[in-house]
């Protein structure tokens, strides 16, 4: 497996995909620059953002302060 410090390997995402598929009340959320993906089976219950998590969290923090 090739390791990249900027992206989460699929081996880490797979259990979360499985849990989401098994639980109809679950929503899968992924913020990952360049690899924000999910399987078609859970696509309707997923939030995938192709962005830098640091920038997303900063924007959420800034919005909460306003």
Foldseek 3Di string as FASTA:
>chain_A
DDDDPQFDDVVVVVVVLVVCLVDVVDAAEEEGAPDQDHDPSRVVRYHTHNHRPVVVVVVVVVVVVD
